[in-house]
Amino acid sequence: MPIKYRGPLANARSAMMLLKRARAEEQRLRDRATYQLGRAFLEVEAAQEPLRAASRTRLAAAEKRKREQGFYNEGRIMAGRYSQAIHQDATAEAAEARCRATYVRTLIAFEEAKGTLLDAEGIVLKSPGARKPSGPSS
């Protein structure tokens, strides 16, 4: 090939390599966002079980406190036993609040990861309640 024709071919190859690198970088970013989304989803699932357990414990402690309060009001138990039930109820409520805070944090991380991935792909979600009008509007 004559020397005068090599310039345009080299420019085309260079442009193709730049395009290939840009596509590879875009794919890498998409893969990372997808991984983060999957990870955030697993964290949400992992935070649900302790929250459920803490809610069950709180409900049981509240029932016990009410039962012990009735016994205390009737004079069937001493104040120490009733105060222990109050303490268990308060402890269970605090544990549930901690688990709920962790769960909410994982939900926020999941929503951020989901939004990042959807923005990168240019996907717009419609809300379930938003529908197009079914007839001519006047």
Foldseek 3Di string as FASTA:
>chain_A
DDPVPVVVVVVVVVVVVVVVVVVVVLVVVLVVLVVQLVVLVVQLVVLVVQLVVLVVQLVVLVVVLVVVVVCVVVVNDDVVVNVVSVVSNVVSVVSNVVSVVSNVVSVVSNVVSVVVNCVSVVHDDDDPPDDDDPDDDD
